[in-house]
Amino acid sequence: RKKAESLGAKKIFIEDLRKEFVEDFIWPSVQANAVYEDRYLMGTAIARPCIARRQVEIARKEGAQFVSHGATGKGNDQIRFELTCYALYPEVKIISPWRIPEFYNRFRGRKDLMEYAQVFATTMHNALISQRLFVEISYELVNKRKILIFQ
């Protein structure tokens, strides 16, 4: 909340979607035995449609014509966000920075963004980014030289 306010956000929506996530996404995935390559749980993958669904509900309620996400072009997260948004709100326009040539040519990935951020946050030598989900926890250890991904 504080970060959004400091950046000038007019409205901030911070919601607890755990109940919906479990009932509408986790249980159907468990029932379908949704495991990738016979070993990876689909926690992150199924979280994106849950988040996007609520984002679209808020966008409609607020009369917003645009939504955005921060998924990079490397994995499937941008597809999960965007297909969910288009399925639920076909007329919405999606701002995807990683698909804007001026942005992409400057920042090829998270590593480039972290190096750029170093100029503004000198204390950020190591950052731990995590997504705590009900069925899994994904961690990315980011430092100035390399990105290691643990799942």
C-alpha atoms as a PDB file:
ATOM      1  CA  ARG A   1       0.000   0.000   0.000  1.00  0.00           C
ATOM      2  CA  LYS A   2       2.712   2.469   0.997  1.00  0.00           C
ATOM      3  CA  LYS A   3       4.653   1.876  -2.203  1.00  0.00           C
ATOM      4  CA  ALA A   4       1.545   2.421  -4.356  1.00  0.00           C
ATOM      5  CA  GLU A   5       0.691   5.584  -2.449  1.00  0.00           C
ATOM      6  CA  SER A   6       4.250   6.887  -2.794  1.00  0.00           C
ATOM      7  CA  LEU A   7       3.996   6.344  -6.553  1.00  0.00           C
ATOM      8  CA  GLY A   8       0.792   8.395  -6.702  1.00  0.00           C
ATOM      9  CA  ALA A   9      -1.862   5.691  -7.044  1.00  0.00           C
ATOM     10  CA  LYS A  10      -5.348   7.184  -6.799  1.00  0.00           C
ATOM     11  CA  LYS A  11      -6.993   3.902  -5.767  1.00  0.00           C
ATOM     12  CA  ILE A  12      -5.406   0.804  -4.315  1.00  0.00           C
ATOM     13  CA  PHE A  13      -6.936  -2.661  -4.232  1.00  0.00           C
ATOM     14  CA  ILE A  14      -5.293  -5.185  -1.929  1.00  0.00           C
ATOM     15  CA  GLU A  15      -7.493  -8.210  -1.550  1.00  0.00           C
ATOM     16  CA  ASP A  16      -7.319 -11.641   0.005  1.00  0.00           C
ATOM     17  CA  LEU A  17      -8.113 -14.121  -2.771  1.00  0.00           C
ATOM     18  CA  ARG A  18      -7.128 -17.256  -0.887  1.00  0.00           C
ATOM     19  CA  LYS A  19     -10.669 -18.647  -0.644  1.00  0.00           C
ATOM     20  CA  GLU A  20     -11.333 -18.162  -4.362  1.00  0.00           C
ATOM     21  CA  PHE A  21      -7.890 -19.488  -5.218  1.00  0.00           C
ATOM     22  CA  VAL A  22      -8.446 -22.698  -3.275  1.00  0.00           C
ATOM     23  CA  GLU A  23     -12.048 -23.276  -4.348  1.00  0.00           C
ATOM     24  CA  ASP A  24     -11.852 -22.221  -7.998  1.00  0.00           C
ATOM     25  CA  PHE A  25      -8.272 -23.080  -8.934  1.00  0.00           C
ATOM     26  CA  ILE A  26      -6.429 -25.374  -6.514  1.00  0.00           C
ATOM     27  CA  TRP A  27      -9.150 -27.986  -5.976  1.00  0.00           C
ATOM     28  CA  PRO A  28      -9.933 -28.339  -9.690  1.00  0.00           C
ATOM     29  CA  SER A  29      -6.189 -28.658 -10.357  1.00  0.00           C
ATOM     30  CA  VAL A  30      -5.804 -31.320  -7.686  1.00  0.00           C
ATOM     31  CA  GLN A  31      -8.799 -33.190  -9.090  1.00  0.00           C
ATOM     32  CA  ALA A  32      -7.238 -33.012 -12.551  1.00  0.00           C
ATOM     33  CA  ASN A  33      -3.842 -34.149 -11.200  1.00  0.00           C
ATOM     34  CA  ALA A  34      -2.328 -31.029 -12.782  1.00  0.00           C
ATOM     35  CA  VAL A  35       1.392 -31.652 -12.488  1.00  0.00           C
ATOM     36  CA  TYR A  36       3.874 -30.426 -15.078  1.00  0.00           C
ATOM     37  CA  GLU A  37       6.354 -32.996 -16.403  1.00  0.00           C
ATOM     38  CA  ASP A  38       5.266 -35.416 -13.668  1.00  0.00           C
ATOM     39  CA  ARG A  39       7.030 -33.414 -10.957  1.00  0.00           C
ATOM     40  CA  TYR A  40       6.189 -29.705 -10.759  1.00  0.00           C
ATOM     41  CA  LEU A  41       3.088 -28.408  -9.030  1.00  0.00           C
ATOM     42  CA  MET A  42       1.166 -25.777 -10.958  1.00  0.00           C
ATOM     43  CA  GLY A  43       0.840 -23.213  -8.132  1.00  0.00           C
ATOM     44  CA  THR A  44       2.298 -20.242  -9.982  1.00  0.00           C
ATOM     45  CA  ALA A  45       0.599 -21.180 -13.250  1.00  0.00           C
ATOM     46  CA  ILE A  46      -2.862 -21.409 -11.710  1.00  0.00           C
ATOM     47  CA  ALA A  47      -2.372 -18.270  -9.628  1.00  0.00           C
ATOM     48  CA  ARG A  48      -2.148 -16.036 -12.714  1.00  0.00           C
ATOM     49  CA  PRO A  49      -5.723 -16.620 -13.930  1.00  0.00           C
ATOM     50  CA  CYS A  50      -6.993 -16.080 -10.378  1.00  0.00           C
ATOM     51  CA  ILE A  51      -5.195 -12.732 -10.161  1.00  0.00           C
ATOM     52  CA  ALA A  52      -6.216 -11.708 -13.690  1.00  0.00           C
ATOM     53  CA  ARG A  53      -9.858 -12.599 -13.062  1.00  0.00           C
ATOM     54  CA  ARG A  54     -10.005 -10.244 -10.087  1.00  0.00           C
ATOM     55  CA  GLN A  55      -8.063  -7.588 -11.979  1.00  0.00           C
ATOM     56  CA  VAL A  56     -10.689  -7.709 -14.729  1.00  0.00           C
ATOM     57  CA  GLU A  57     -13.547  -7.552 -12.206  1.00  0.00           C
ATOM     58  CA  ILE A  58     -12.007  -4.422 -10.695  1.00  0.00           C
ATOM     59  CA  ALA A  59     -11.313  -2.915 -14.129  1.00  0.00           C
ATOM     60  CA  ARG A  60     -14.952  -3.368 -15.144  1.00  0.00           C
ATOM     61  CA  LYS A  61     -16.220  -1.969 -11.836  1.00  0.00           C
ATOM     62  CA  GLU A  62     -13.943   1.065 -12.166  1.00  0.00           C
ATOM     63  CA  GLY A  63     -14.690   1.575 -15.864  1.00  0.00           C
ATOM     64  CA  ALA A  64     -11.052   1.005 -16.813  1.00  0.00           C
ATOM     65  CA  GLN A  65     -10.234   0.340 -20.449  1.00  0.00           C
ATOM     66  CA  PHE A  66      -6.670  -0.791 -19.737  1.00  0.00           C
ATOM     67  CA  VAL A  67      -5.019  -3.341 -17.460  1.00  0.00           C
ATOM     68  CA  SER A  68      -1.356  -4.184 -17.080  1.00  0.00           C
ATOM     69  CA  HIS A  69       0.913  -6.898 -15.741  1.00  0.00           C
ATOM     70  CA  GLY A  70       4.626  -7.135 -15.144  1.00  0.00           C
ATOM     71  CA  ALA A  71       5.253 -10.598 -16.555  1.00  0.00           C
ATOM     72  CA  THR A  72       8.327 -10.834 -18.744  1.00  0.00           C
ATOM     73  CA  GLY A  73       8.272 -12.343 -22.202  1.00  0.00           C
ATOM     74  CA  LYS A  74      10.414 -15.300 -21.148  1.00  0.00           C
ATOM     75  CA  GLY A  75       7.839 -17.644 -19.652  1.00  0.00           C
ATOM     76  CA  ASN A  76       4.137 -18.266 -19.985  1.00  0.00           C
ATOM     77  CA  ASP A  77       2.926 -15.861 -17.305  1.00  0.00           C
ATOM     78  CA  GLN A  78       2.145 -13.090 -19.806  1.00  0.00           C
ATOM     79  CA  ILE A  79       0.011 -15.559 -21.764  1.00  0.00           C
ATOM     80  CA  ARG A  80      -1.813 -16.690 -18.623  1.00  0.00           C
ATOM     81  CA  PHE A  81      -2.574 -13.099 -17.601  1.00  0.00           C
ATOM     82  CA  GLU A  82      -3.558 -11.899 -21.057  1.00  0.00           C
ATOM     83  CA  LEU A  83      -5.707 -14.825 -22.182  1.00  0.00           C
ATOM     84  CA  THR A  84      -7.632 -14.664 -18.922  1.00  0.00           C
ATOM     85  CA  CYS A  85      -8.182 -10.927 -19.332  1.00  0.00           C
ATOM     86  CA  TYR A  86      -9.279 -11.246 -22.964  1.00  0.00           C
ATOM     87  CA  ALA A  87     -11.571 -14.190 -22.188  1.00  0.00           C
ATOM     88  CA  LEU A  88     -13.345 -12.277 -19.425  1.00  0.00           C
ATOM     89  CA  TYR A  89     -13.167  -8.744 -20.878  1.00  0.00           C
ATOM     90  CA  PRO A  90     -12.620  -8.996 -24.666  1.00  0.00           C
ATOM     91  CA  GLU A  91     -12.600  -5.244 -25.228  1.00  0.00           C
ATOM     92  CA  VAL A  92      -9.896  -4.549 -22.616  1.00  0.00           C
ATOM     93  CA  LYS A  93      -6.527  -3.235 -23.759  1.00  0.00           C
ATOM     94  CA  ILE A  94      -3.483  -4.740 -22.072  1.00  0.00           C
ATOM     95  CA  ILE A  95      -0.328  -2.792 -21.378  1.00  0.00           C
ATOM     96  CA  SER A  96       2.513  -5.296 -21.396  1.00  0.00           C
ATOM     97  CA  PRO A  97       5.830  -3.442 -21.015  1.00  0.00           C
ATOM     98  CA  TRP A  98       7.853  -6.416 -22.244  1.00  0.00           C
ATOM     99  CA  ARG A  99       6.055  -6.193 -25.585  1.00  0.00           C
ATOM    100  CA  ILE A 100       6.765  -2.491 -26.079  1.00  0.00           C
ATOM    101  CA  PRO A 101       9.920  -2.279 -28.248  1.00  0.00           C
ATOM    102  CA  GLU A 102      11.341   0.794 -26.491  1.00  0.00           C
ATOM    103  CA  PHE A 103      11.044  -0.935 -23.124  1.00  0.00           C
ATOM    104  CA  TYR A 104      12.191  -4.353 -24.298  1.00  0.00           C
ATOM    105  CA  ASN A 105      15.233  -2.993 -26.140  1.00  0.00           C
ATOM    106  CA  ARG A 106      16.355  -1.266 -22.962  1.00  0.00           C
ATOM    107  CA  PHE A 107      15.459  -3.992 -20.452  1.00  0.00           C
ATOM    108  CA  ARG A 108      15.871  -7.511 -21.865  1.00  0.00           C
ATOM    109  CA  GLY A 109      14.892  -9.144 -18.598  1.00  0.00           C
ATOM    110  CA  ARG A 110      14.790  -8.891 -14.833  1.00  0.00           C
ATOM    111  CA  LYS A 111      18.615  -8.748 -14.661  1.00  0.00           C
ATOM    112  CA  ASP A 112      18.660  -5.533 -16.723  1.00  0.00           C
ATOM    113  CA  LEU A 113      15.939  -4.034 -14.525  1.00  0.00           C
ATOM    114  CA  MET A 114      17.850  -4.913 -11.358  1.00  0.00           C
ATOM    115  CA  GLU A 115      21.027  -3.356 -12.754  1.00  0.00           C
ATOM    116  CA  TYR A 116      19.063  -0.226 -13.648  1.00  0.00           C
ATOM    117  CA  ALA A 117      17.538  -0.173 -10.158  1.00  0.00           C
ATOM    118  CA  GLN A 118      21.029  -0.335  -8.621  1.00  0.00           C
ATOM    119  CA  VAL A 119      21.492   3.290  -9.603  1.00  0.00           C
ATOM    120  CA  PHE A 120      18.546   4.218  -7.401  1.00  0.00           C
ATOM    121  CA  ALA A 121      18.859   1.670  -4.612  1.00  0.00           C
ATOM    122  CA  THR A 122      22.495   1.154  -3.710  1.00  0.00           C
ATOM    123  CA  THR A 123      21.601  -1.164  -0.848  1.00  0.00           C
ATOM    124  CA  MET A 124      20.011  -3.680  -3.175  1.00  0.00           C
ATOM    125  CA  HIS A 125      22.911  -6.112  -3.603  1.00  0.00           C
ATOM    126  CA  ASN A 126      20.724  -9.106  -2.941  1.00  0.00           C
ATOM    127  CA  ALA A 127      16.970  -9.270  -3.050  1.00  0.00           C
ATOM    128  CA  LEU A 128      14.794 -12.225  -2.335  1.00  0.00           C
ATOM    129  CA  ILE A 129      11.652 -12.294  -4.388  1.00  0.00           C
ATOM    130  CA  SER A 130       9.081 -14.855  -3.389  1.00  0.00           C
ATOM    131  CA  GLN A 131       5.585 -15.772  -4.265  1.00  0.00           C
ATOM    132  CA  ARG A 132       3.902 -17.590  -1.429  1.00  0.00           C
ATOM    133  CA  LEU A 133       1.138 -19.695  -2.798  1.00  0.00           C
ATOM    134  CA  PHE A 134      -1.036 -22.231  -1.067  1.00  0.00           C
ATOM    135  CA  VAL A 135       0.452 -25.226  -2.853  1.00  0.00           C
ATOM    136  CA  GLU A 136       4.018 -24.072  -3.407  1.00  0.00           C
ATOM    137  CA  ILE A 137       6.538 -21.346  -2.738  1.00  0.00           C
ATOM    138  CA  SER A 138       8.721 -20.093  -5.600  1.00  0.00           C
ATOM    139  CA  TYR A 139      11.919 -18.232  -4.853  1.00  0.00           C
ATOM    140  CA  GLU A 140      14.221 -16.239  -7.059  1.00  0.00           C
ATOM    141  CA  LEU A 141      17.513 -15.141  -5.570  1.00  0.00           C
ATOM    142  CA  VAL A 142      18.651 -12.084  -7.441  1.00  0.00           C
ATOM    143  CA  ASN A 143      22.058 -10.500  -7.159  1.00  0.00           C
ATOM    144  CA  LYS A 144      24.077  -8.139  -9.330  1.00  0.00           C
ATOM    145  CA  ARG A 145      25.714 -10.857 -11.400  1.00  0.00           C
ATOM    146  CA  LYS A 146      23.277 -13.690 -11.852  1.00  0.00           C
ATOM    147  CA  ILE A 147      19.733 -14.859 -11.341  1.00  0.00           C
ATOM    148  CA  LEU A 148      19.123 -18.234  -9.746  1.00  0.00           C
ATOM    149  CA  ILE A 149      15.644 -19.699  -9.809  1.00  0.00           C
ATOM    150  CA  PHE A 150      14.556 -22.258  -7.211  1.00  0.00           C
ATOM    151  CA  GLN A 151      11.240 -24.102  -7.248  1.00  0.00           C
END
